[in-house]
Amino acid sequence: MPSSPAARCWFPAAAAVSTAGWGANQFTPLAAVYRTQQHWPALPVAAMFTTYLLGLLPGLLLGGPAANRLGRRRVVRPALVLSAAASGLLATAALSQSAVYVSRLATGVAAGVVLTAGTTWLRELSAHPAAGVRRATYATGGGFAAGALTAGAVAERLPHPTVLPCLVHSLLALLALAATRRVPETAPSPRGTWAQTLTASPYRAAVRHPRFTRVVLPASPAVFTASTVAYVVLPSLVADRVPDHAPVFSGLVTALTLGVGVAVQPLADRMDHAGSARATLAAMAAVIGGLLVSACAAHLDSARLVLAAAALLGAGYGLTLSSGLREIERLAPPAVLPSAASLYHGATYSGFLTPLLLAVTAGAASYPALLTGLAAVGLLCLVITARYSRRHLPPTAAGCAEPWHRADHVIPKPPERRSEERSRPWGE
C-alpha cells in the first residue's frame, strides 16, 4: 500500500500515460492528410505506420526491467522527452518522408517504455489496487482515442495540418514532464539483473505452456488486426465519401474503435471461465464478423458501414485483449506476470503488420477480397483455439488447490496481490 502522499500524486502519472498514447495514435488522422493532401502512395504510408512497431516492441520488453532497476520516474520522464522530440520531428513530414520513419520509430520506443513503466507507476501510486488498474485502463485508452480525435480535428480545422497536431502533442508531453517532476518514486529496491528478469524459470514455463501456444497465441494477432483494419485501412477506402472531412473522419473512427474496445473489457471478464476459452472464442467471432462487415463497406464504398465495422472490430479488439490477459494470469505466477504479459502484448502487436500486408497485396486482389481472406484466416485460428479450448488447463481450472503450482516450481499465490499484479490492457 503506497503512502498517502504518493496516493495523492497519481494524476501526473496518468497524464504521462495518456500523453504517450496520444503521441502513438496521432499519426492515424495525419496519414489521411498525407494521402489526400500530400498525395503520398498507400504503401509508404503503411510502412510508416508499421515502423512504430519496430520501436514499440523493445520499449515494451525493456521498459519494465529498466523501471525496476532505475526507478519509475527516472525511466518515464526521459521517455516523455523522447515522445515530445519525436512529435517535433514528425512536424517536418512535409519536408522529408525520412523524418516520418525516424519519428515513428522514436514514438514507438517512448510509448512502449511509458505504457510499461508508467502504468506500473500509476497503479502503485493509487491507494487501492483496483482503482489503479481502472485508472491505467482509462488513461491508456483515453490517450489513444483523444490523440487521434484531436489530431484529426486540428488537421481539418486549422492551418498547417501536418504541423500543428504534432506541436500540440509536443507541448502536452512537456507539460506532463513538468507535472511528474515531484511525483514520488514507488519502485522497490532493485533485485537481480535485467537478464534474470527476462529469463526467469517460471516466466519461461508460462510462455511454453501448451495452452499459451495453442489457445492464447493463435488468437493474439486478432487484437491489433481488428483495431488497425478499423482505423488505418477502412477510412482511406472511403475517403472519397468524406472528401472534405477525411482527417476528422479518420480520428472519429479511431476514437470509436478504441472507445468500444475499452467499454467491452468488463464483458470479457464476466464471460471468462477458467475451464474453457469461451471469452476468447466469442472475441474472435466478433473480429471475424467485423472483418466481413469491413469487406462489405469496402465493396459498397460506404462510410456508414465503416462506422459499423469499426464498432464491431473495436469490440473484438477489447474482448480478445482482455480474454488473453486473463489466460496469462492463470499461466504465470505473480512474480513474473508483468514479463509474461509483455511477451503476450508483443505477440498481439504482430497485428500492426496487417495494414502493410494489405497494401503490399492490394495489386493482386481487391480490398473486399483481401478482407474476406483475413476473415477466413481468423476462422482458421478460431477452429484451432476451439479445438484446445478445454485442454491443457492450468492447475487452477483443473481443481488444484495451489494455482501457481508447477512440477518443478512452486510459488505461493498471495491473494491480496491478484488484482494489483494484473497487467494493463493497452489499446493502440
Protein backbone atom coordinates (compact mmCIF):
# COMPACT_ATOMS: atom_id res chain seq x y z
CA MET A 1 0.00 0.00 0.00
CA PRO A 2 1.60 3.30 -1.03
CA SER A 3 1.95 6.17 1.39
CA SER A 4 -0.73 8.82 1.44
CA PRO A 5 1.44 11.50 -0.26
CA ALA A 6 2.12 9.07 -3.10
CA ALA A 7 -1.55 8.20 -3.34
CA ARG A 8 -2.36 11.86 -3.96
CA CYS A 9 0.07 12.08 -6.91
CA TRP A 10 -1.39 9.55 -9.28
CA PHE A 11 -2.84 12.14 -11.68
CA PRO A 12 0.52 13.29 -13.20
CA ALA A 13 1.44 9.65 -13.81
CA ALA A 14 -1.93 9.15 -15.53
CA ALA A 15 -1.23 12.26 -17.64
CA ALA A 16 2.12 10.78 -18.67
CA VAL A 17 0.47 7.53 -19.77
CA SER A 18 -2.27 9.38 -21.70
CA THR A 19 0.30 11.61 -23.38
CA ALA A 20 2.25 8.58 -24.60
CA GLY A 21 -0.92 7.05 -26.03
CA TRP A 22 -1.83 10.40 -27.61
CA GLY A 23 1.52 10.57 -29.43
CA ALA A 24 1.25 7.00 -30.63
CA ASN A 25 -2.16 7.46 -32.26
CA GLN A 26 -1.96 11.00 -33.63
CA PHE A 27 -0.41 9.55 -36.78
CA THR A 28 -3.65 7.87 -37.87
CA PRO A 29 -5.54 11.03 -38.98
CA LEU A 30 -2.28 12.56 -40.20
CA ALA A 31 -1.94 9.59 -42.54
CA ALA A 32 -5.22 10.70 -44.14
CA VAL A 33 -3.67 14.12 -44.70
CA TYR A 34 -0.57 12.58 -46.26
CA ARG A 35 -2.77 10.51 -48.58
CA THR A 36 -5.34 13.15 -49.59
CA GLN A 37 -3.36 16.41 -49.48
CA GLN A 38 0.26 15.36 -49.88
CA HIS A 39 -0.71 12.56 -52.32
CA TRP A 40 1.68 10.05 -50.82
CA PRO A 41 1.18 6.45 -52.06
CA ALA A 42 -0.52 3.94 -49.78
CA LEU A 43 2.48 1.63 -49.42
CA PRO A 44 4.96 4.09 -47.84
CA VAL A 45 2.25 5.45 -45.52
CA ALA A 46 1.51 1.90 -44.35
CA ALA A 47 5.25 1.30 -43.89
CA MET A 48 5.48 4.46 -41.77
CA PHE A 49 2.66 3.21 -39.61
CA THR A 50 4.34 -0.18 -39.18
CA THR A 51 7.73 1.37 -38.29
CA TYR A 52 6.14 2.28 -34.96
CA LEU A 53 6.11 -1.43 -34.14
CA LEU A 54 9.90 -1.69 -34.50
CA GLY A 55 10.33 0.78 -31.67
CA LEU A 56 7.38 -0.35 -29.59
CA LEU A 57 8.48 -3.94 -29.03
CA PRO A 58 11.87 -3.16 -27.44
CA GLY A 59 10.21 -0.39 -25.45
CA LEU A 60 7.66 -2.85 -24.06
CA LEU A 61 10.23 -5.52 -23.26
CA LEU A 62 12.83 -3.23 -21.69
CA GLY A 63 10.61 -0.62 -20.03
CA GLY A 64 9.61 -2.84 -17.12
CA PRO A 65 13.08 -4.16 -16.24
CA ALA A 66 14.56 -0.67 -16.64
CA ALA A 67 11.94 0.78 -14.30
CA ASN A 68 12.67 -1.93 -11.73
CA ARG A 69 16.41 -1.23 -11.85
CA LEU A 70 16.41 2.56 -12.18
CA GLY A 71 13.04 3.61 -10.80
CA ARG A 72 9.72 4.53 -12.42
CA ARG A 73 10.31 8.27 -12.56
CA ARG A 74 13.84 8.02 -13.98
CA VAL A 75 12.53 5.90 -16.85
CA VAL A 76 9.19 7.59 -17.60
CA ARG A 77 10.43 11.19 -17.71
CA PRO A 78 13.17 10.66 -20.36
CA ALA A 79 10.62 8.72 -22.41
CA LEU A 80 8.33 11.77 -22.33
CA VAL A 81 11.21 13.89 -23.65
CA LEU A 82 11.73 11.38 -26.45
CA SER A 83 8.00 11.43 -27.25
CA ALA A 84 7.98 15.24 -27.46
CA ALA A 85 11.06 15.22 -29.71
CA ALA A 86 9.52 12.56 -31.95
CA SER A 87 6.41 14.69 -32.49
CA GLY A 88 8.59 17.71 -33.24
CA LEU A 89 10.35 15.66 -35.89
CA LEU A 90 7.00 14.45 -37.27
CA ALA A 91 6.07 18.11 -37.83
CA THR A 92 8.73 18.22 -40.59
CA ALA A 93 6.96 15.50 -42.60
CA ALA A 94 6.17 17.88 -45.46
CA LEU A 95 9.90 18.46 -45.91
CA SER A 96 11.12 14.88 -45.61
CA GLN A 97 9.42 11.50 -45.64
CA SER A 98 12.50 10.01 -43.99
CA ALA A 99 11.81 12.12 -40.92
CA VAL A 100 8.47 10.34 -40.52
CA TYR A 101 10.14 6.94 -40.30
CA VAL A 102 12.58 8.14 -37.64
CA SER A 103 9.76 9.85 -35.76
CA ARG A 104 7.58 6.75 -35.77
CA LEU A 105 10.48 4.62 -34.52
CA ALA A 106 11.19 7.02 -31.64
CA THR A 107 7.47 7.31 -30.84
CA GLY A 108 7.26 3.52 -30.58
CA VAL A 109 10.18 3.33 -28.14
CA ALA A 110 8.77 6.12 -25.98
CA ALA A 111 5.26 4.67 -25.98
CA GLY A 112 6.49 1.17 -25.11
CA VAL A 113 8.51 2.44 -22.15
CA VAL A 114 5.76 4.69 -20.75
CA LEU A 115 2.99 2.15 -21.28
CA THR A 116 5.05 -0.38 -19.33
CA ALA A 117 6.73 1.64 -16.60
CA GLY A 118 4.12 4.42 -16.47
CA THR A 119 1.12 2.18 -15.91
CA THR A 120 3.01 0.32 -13.18
CA TRP A 121 3.84 3.66 -11.58
CA LEU A 122 0.22 4.76 -11.83
CA ARG A 123 -1.07 1.58 -10.17
CA GLU A 124 1.46 1.86 -7.36
CA LEU A 125 0.55 5.50 -6.73
CA SER A 126 -3.12 4.60 -6.32
CA ALA A 127 -4.38 3.92 -2.82
CA HIS A 128 -6.32 0.82 -3.90
CA PRO A 129 -5.12 -1.77 -6.45
CA ALA A 130 -8.48 -1.97 -8.21
CA ALA A 131 -8.53 1.81 -8.62
CA GLY A 132 -5.01 1.71 -10.03
CA VAL A 133 -5.93 -0.88 -12.66
CA ARG A 134 -9.01 1.13 -13.62
CA ARG A 135 -7.06 4.38 -13.88
CA ALA A 136 -4.39 2.73 -16.02
CA THR A 137 -7.06 1.38 -18.36
CA TYR A 138 -8.79 4.74 -18.78
CA ALA A 139 -5.55 6.71 -19.07
CA THR A 140 -4.24 4.43 -21.81
CA GLY A 141 -7.47 4.13 -23.78
CA GLY A 142 -8.31 7.80 -23.32
CA GLY A 143 -4.91 8.87 -24.60
CA PHE A 144 -5.14 6.68 -27.69
CA ALA A 145 -8.64 7.89 -28.53
CA ALA A 146 -8.11 11.57 -27.69
CA GLY A 147 -4.87 11.72 -29.65
CA ALA A 148 -6.48 10.52 -32.86
CA LEU A 149 -9.65 12.56 -32.48
CA THR A 150 -7.89 15.81 -31.56
CA ALA A 151 -5.21 15.47 -34.21
CA GLY A 152 -7.93 14.88 -36.82
CA ALA A 153 -9.92 17.92 -35.70
CA VAL A 154 -6.85 20.19 -35.61
CA ALA A 155 -5.67 18.96 -39.01
CA GLU A 156 -9.06 19.68 -40.55
CA ARG A 157 -9.97 22.97 -38.86
CA LEU A 158 -6.63 24.78 -38.54
CA PRO A 159 -3.85 25.68 -40.99
CA HIS A 160 -0.67 23.63 -41.39
CA PRO A 161 -2.43 20.27 -40.87
CA THR A 162 0.81 18.26 -40.78
CA VAL A 163 2.50 20.57 -38.28
CA LEU A 164 0.09 21.88 -35.63
CA PRO A 165 -1.19 18.48 -34.36
CA CYS A 166 2.39 17.39 -33.74
CA LEU A 167 3.28 20.60 -31.90
CA VAL A 168 0.18 20.23 -29.71
CA HIS A 169 1.39 16.83 -28.60
CA SER A 170 4.94 18.05 -28.01
CA LEU A 171 3.55 20.74 -25.71
CA LEU A 172 1.42 18.19 -23.84
CA ALA A 173 4.43 15.90 -23.38
CA LEU A 174 6.49 18.76 -21.92
CA LEU A 175 3.63 19.67 -19.56
CA ALA A 176 3.43 16.05 -18.41
CA LEU A 177 7.20 16.09 -17.92
CA ALA A 178 6.92 19.13 -15.65
CA ALA A 179 3.98 17.62 -13.75
CA THR A 180 5.87 14.41 -12.93
CA ARG A 181 8.95 16.19 -11.59
CA ARG A 182 7.92 15.84 -7.93
CA VAL A 183 5.86 12.65 -8.13
CA PRO A 184 7.16 10.14 -5.54
CA GLU A 185 9.19 7.15 -6.62
CA THR A 186 7.47 3.81 -5.93
CA ALA A 187 9.95 1.25 -7.26
CA PRO A 188 11.22 -1.30 -4.74
CA SER A 189 14.93 -1.87 -4.27
CA PRO A 190 16.35 -3.50 -7.42
CA ARG A 191 16.65 -7.25 -7.28
CA GLY A 192 18.57 -9.35 -9.77
CA THR A 193 19.53 -8.25 -13.26
CA TRP A 194 17.54 -7.42 -16.37
CA ALA A 195 18.58 -10.72 -17.93
CA GLN A 196 17.35 -12.62 -14.88
CA THR A 197 14.02 -10.80 -15.09
CA LEU A 198 13.53 -11.76 -18.73
CA THR A 199 14.69 -15.38 -18.38
CA ALA A 200 13.17 -16.44 -15.07
CA SER A 201 12.24 -20.13 -15.00
CA PRO A 202 8.51 -19.62 -14.21
CA TYR A 203 8.35 -17.00 -16.98
CA ARG A 204 9.71 -19.49 -19.49
CA ALA A 205 7.34 -22.15 -18.18
CA ALA A 206 4.36 -19.85 -18.67
CA VAL A 207 5.11 -18.94 -22.29
CA ARG A 208 5.99 -22.53 -23.18
CA HIS A 209 2.79 -23.88 -21.68
CA PRO A 210 0.71 -25.75 -24.30
CA ARG A 211 -2.27 -23.56 -23.54
CA PHE A 212 -0.25 -20.45 -24.38
CA THR A 213 0.93 -21.84 -27.72
CA ARG A 214 -2.39 -23.45 -28.73
CA VAL A 215 -5.05 -21.13 -27.29
CA VAL A 216 -3.54 -17.73 -26.47
CA LEU A 217 -1.04 -17.39 -29.30
CA PRO A 218 -3.38 -18.22 -32.24
CA ALA A 219 -5.81 -15.54 -31.08
CA SER A 220 -3.22 -12.87 -30.26
CA PRO A 221 -2.76 -11.33 -33.77
CA ALA A 222 -6.51 -10.68 -33.90
CA VAL A 223 -6.19 -7.98 -31.24
CA PHE A 224 -4.46 -5.34 -33.35
CA THR A 225 -5.51 -6.78 -36.68
CA ALA A 226 -9.02 -5.76 -35.64
CA SER A 227 -8.10 -2.27 -34.49
CA THR A 228 -5.69 -1.39 -37.32
CA VAL A 229 -8.08 -2.59 -40.02
CA ALA A 230 -10.73 -0.39 -38.43
CA TYR A 231 -8.83 2.86 -38.12
CA VAL A 232 -5.90 2.54 -40.56
CA VAL A 233 -7.30 0.65 -43.55
CA LEU A 234 -11.02 1.44 -43.71
CA PRO A 235 -11.04 5.29 -43.56
CA SER A 236 -8.74 5.56 -46.58
CA LEU A 237 -11.01 3.22 -48.58
CA VAL A 238 -13.99 5.56 -48.24
CA ALA A 239 -12.11 8.86 -48.29
CA ASP A 240 -13.94 9.82 -51.47
CA ARG A 241 -17.22 9.70 -49.50
CA VAL A 242 -15.94 12.29 -47.00
CA PRO A 243 -13.64 14.37 -49.22
CA ASP A 244 -13.72 17.48 -47.02
CA HIS A 245 -13.59 15.66 -43.70
CA ALA A 246 -11.05 12.85 -44.18
CA PRO A 247 -8.80 13.69 -41.16
CA VAL A 248 -11.61 14.15 -38.65
CA PHE A 249 -13.45 11.08 -40.01
CA SER A 250 -10.28 9.04 -39.51
CA GLY A 251 -9.97 10.38 -35.96
CA LEU A 252 -13.62 9.60 -35.28
CA VAL A 253 -13.24 6.01 -36.49
CA THR A 254 -10.15 5.61 -34.30
CA ALA A 255 -11.88 7.00 -31.22
CA LEU A 256 -14.94 4.81 -31.85
CA THR A 257 -12.83 1.67 -32.24
CA LEU A 258 -10.77 2.24 -29.12
CA GLY A 259 -13.68 3.56 -27.07
CA VAL A 260 -15.74 0.44 -27.74
CA GLY A 261 -12.65 -1.66 -27.05
CA VAL A 262 -12.28 -0.19 -23.57
CA ALA A 263 -16.02 -0.31 -22.84
CA VAL A 264 -16.41 -4.04 -23.59
CA GLN A 265 -13.50 -5.29 -21.49
CA PRO A 266 -15.65 -5.78 -18.36
CA LEU A 267 -17.84 -8.04 -20.50
CA ALA A 268 -14.82 -10.23 -21.25
CA ASP A 269 -14.19 -10.50 -17.51
CA ARG A 270 -17.74 -11.70 -16.95
CA MET A 271 -17.51 -14.18 -19.82
CA ASP A 272 -14.17 -15.55 -18.68
CA HIS A 273 -14.14 -19.15 -17.46
CA ALA A 274 -11.07 -21.00 -16.22
CA GLY A 275 -12.25 -24.30 -17.68
CA SER A 276 -12.68 -23.11 -21.26
CA ALA A 277 -11.72 -20.36 -23.68
CA ARG A 278 -15.26 -19.17 -24.27
CA ALA A 279 -14.34 -15.47 -23.85
CA THR A 280 -11.57 -15.81 -26.44
CA LEU A 281 -13.86 -17.68 -28.84
CA ALA A 282 -16.57 -15.02 -28.57
CA ALA A 283 -13.95 -12.31 -29.09
CA MET A 284 -12.60 -13.95 -32.25
CA ALA A 285 -16.12 -14.36 -33.59
CA ALA A 286 -16.60 -10.61 -33.17
CA VAL A 287 -13.38 -9.93 -35.07
CA ILE A 288 -14.40 -12.23 -37.91
CA GLY A 289 -17.81 -10.55 -38.10
CA GLY A 290 -16.14 -7.14 -38.13
CA LEU A 291 -13.86 -8.15 -40.99
CA LEU A 292 -16.82 -9.34 -43.03
CA VAL A 293 -18.65 -6.05 -42.43
CA SER A 294 -15.42 -4.28 -43.42
CA ALA A 295 -15.39 -6.19 -46.70
CA CYS A 296 -18.96 -5.08 -47.35
CA ALA A 297 -18.06 -1.47 -46.51
CA ALA A 298 -15.16 -1.57 -48.97
CA HIS A 299 -17.30 -3.18 -51.67
CA LEU A 300 -20.17 -0.69 -51.27
CA ASP A 301 -17.86 2.30 -50.59
CA SER A 302 -19.97 3.14 -47.54
CA ALA A 303 -18.78 5.44 -44.76
CA ARG A 304 -21.69 4.36 -42.55
CA LEU A 305 -20.71 0.72 -42.84
CA VAL A 306 -17.16 1.72 -41.92
CA LEU A 307 -18.50 3.10 -38.64
CA ALA A 308 -20.46 -0.12 -38.04
CA ALA A 309 -17.38 -2.21 -38.80
CA ALA A 310 -15.26 -0.03 -36.50
CA ALA A 311 -17.67 -0.63 -33.61
CA LEU A 312 -17.68 -4.39 -34.17
CA LEU A 313 -13.91 -4.58 -34.65
CA GLY A 314 -13.43 -2.43 -31.56
CA ALA A 315 -15.50 -4.91 -29.57
CA GLY A 316 -13.42 -7.77 -30.94
CA TYR A 317 -10.21 -5.90 -30.11
CA GLY A 318 -11.19 -5.24 -26.50
CA LEU A 319 -12.61 -8.72 -25.87
CA THR A 320 -9.62 -10.50 -27.41
CA LEU A 321 -7.09 -8.43 -25.47
CA SER A 322 -8.85 -8.83 -22.12
CA SER A 323 -9.50 -12.56 -22.52
CA GLY A 324 -5.87 -13.15 -23.47
CA LEU A 325 -4.65 -11.32 -20.38
CA ARG A 326 -6.97 -13.45 -18.25
CA GLU A 327 -5.38 -16.58 -19.69
CA ILE A 328 -1.89 -15.20 -18.96
CA GLU A 329 -2.93 -14.51 -15.35
CA ARG A 330 -3.68 -18.18 -14.87
CA LEU A 331 -0.48 -19.38 -16.54
CA ALA A 332 2.10 -17.08 -14.93
CA PRO A 333 2.97 -16.69 -11.24
CA PRO A 334 2.58 -13.13 -9.89
CA ALA A 335 6.35 -12.62 -9.67
CA VAL A 336 6.80 -12.91 -13.44
CA LEU A 337 3.34 -11.89 -14.61
CA PRO A 338 4.47 -8.49 -15.98
CA SER A 339 7.18 -10.14 -18.11
CA ALA A 340 4.79 -12.82 -19.40
CA ALA A 341 2.18 -10.16 -20.15
CA SER A 342 4.79 -8.12 -22.04
CA LEU A 343 5.52 -11.10 -24.27
CA TYR A 344 1.80 -11.55 -24.85
CA HIS A 345 1.48 -7.90 -25.82
CA GLY A 346 4.40 -8.36 -28.20
CA ALA A 347 2.52 -11.20 -29.87
CA THR A 348 -0.63 -9.09 -30.16
CA TYR A 349 1.29 -6.27 -31.82
CA SER A 350 2.02 -8.56 -34.78
CA GLY A 351 -1.41 -7.37 -35.92
CA PHE A 352 0.18 -4.00 -36.67
CA LEU A 353 1.67 -5.61 -39.78
CA THR A 354 -1.81 -6.06 -41.28
CA PRO A 355 -2.11 -2.63 -42.99
CA LEU A 356 1.30 -3.11 -44.61
CA LEU A 357 0.39 -6.64 -45.70
CA LEU A 358 -2.84 -5.39 -47.27
CA ALA A 359 -1.07 -2.50 -49.01
CA VAL A 360 1.55 -4.86 -50.48
CA THR A 361 -1.04 -7.35 -51.76
CA ALA A 362 -3.61 -4.78 -52.94
CA GLY A 363 -2.39 -5.12 -56.52
CA ALA A 364 -3.17 -8.83 -56.58
CA ALA A 365 -6.73 -8.64 -55.25
CA SER A 366 -9.36 -6.09 -54.27
CA TYR A 367 -9.71 -4.93 -50.69
CA PRO A 368 -13.09 -6.67 -50.25
CA ALA A 369 -11.43 -9.93 -51.27
CA LEU A 370 -8.43 -9.32 -49.03
CA LEU A 371 -10.60 -8.52 -46.02
CA THR A 372 -12.69 -11.63 -46.67
CA GLY A 373 -9.45 -13.60 -46.80
CA LEU A 374 -8.46 -12.17 -43.42
CA ALA A 375 -11.80 -13.31 -42.05
CA ALA A 376 -11.07 -16.81 -43.37
CA VAL A 377 -7.68 -16.80 -41.61
CA GLY A 378 -9.43 -15.68 -38.45
CA LEU A 379 -11.88 -18.54 -38.78
CA LEU A 380 -8.98 -20.99 -39.04
CA CYS A 381 -7.45 -19.56 -35.85
CA LEU A 382 -10.86 -19.80 -34.19
CA VAL A 383 -11.05 -23.51 -35.07
CA ILE A 384 -7.58 -24.12 -33.60
CA THR A 385 -8.44 -22.25 -30.40
CA ALA A 386 -11.79 -24.06 -30.10
CA ARG A 387 -10.11 -27.45 -30.51
CA TYR A 388 -7.86 -26.85 -27.50
CA SER A 389 -10.34 -24.72 -25.55
CA ARG A 390 -10.78 -27.27 -22.75
CA ARG A 391 -7.34 -28.88 -22.92
CA HIS A 392 -4.07 -28.21 -21.10
CA LEU A 393 -5.92 -26.34 -18.37
CA PRO A 394 -3.75 -24.69 -15.69
CA PRO A 395 -3.96 -26.20 -12.17
CA THR A 396 -6.47 -23.52 -11.09
CA ALA A 397 -9.01 -24.72 -13.66
CA ALA A 398 -8.23 -28.37 -13.02
CA GLY A 399 -9.14 -28.06 -9.36
CA CYS A 400 -5.64 -27.92 -7.92
CA ALA A 401 -5.51 -26.26 -4.52
CA GLU A 402 -2.36 -24.34 -5.45
CA PRO A 403 -3.00 -22.20 -8.59
CA TRP A 404 0.64 -21.43 -9.24
CA HIS A 405 1.94 -24.98 -8.78
CA ARG A 406 4.43 -26.31 -11.28
CA ALA A 407 6.02 -29.74 -11.24
CA ASP A 408 9.43 -28.19 -10.68
CA HIS A 409 8.49 -24.81 -9.25
CA VAL A 410 6.10 -23.75 -6.52
CA ILE A 411 5.30 -20.10 -5.83
CA PRO A 412 2.63 -19.30 -3.24
CA LYS A 413 -0.12 -17.07 -4.57
CA PRO A 414 -0.73 -14.02 -2.36
CA PRO A 415 -4.48 -13.34 -2.70
CA GLU A 416 -4.17 -9.64 -1.91
CA ARG A 417 -1.81 -9.08 -4.87
CA ARG A 418 -4.07 -10.65 -7.51
CA SER A 419 -5.71 -7.53 -8.92
CA GLU A 420 -2.64 -5.35 -8.33
CA GLU A 421 -0.43 -7.55 -10.48
CA ARG A 422 -2.85 -7.72 -13.34
CA SER A 423 -1.40 -6.19 -16.46
CA ARG A 424 -2.85 -3.10 -18.04
CA PRO A 425 -4.98 -3.51 -21.19
CA TRP A 426 -3.18 -1.40 -23.76
CA GLY A 427 -5.32 -0.13 -26.73
CA GLU A 428 -3.42 1.34 -29.79
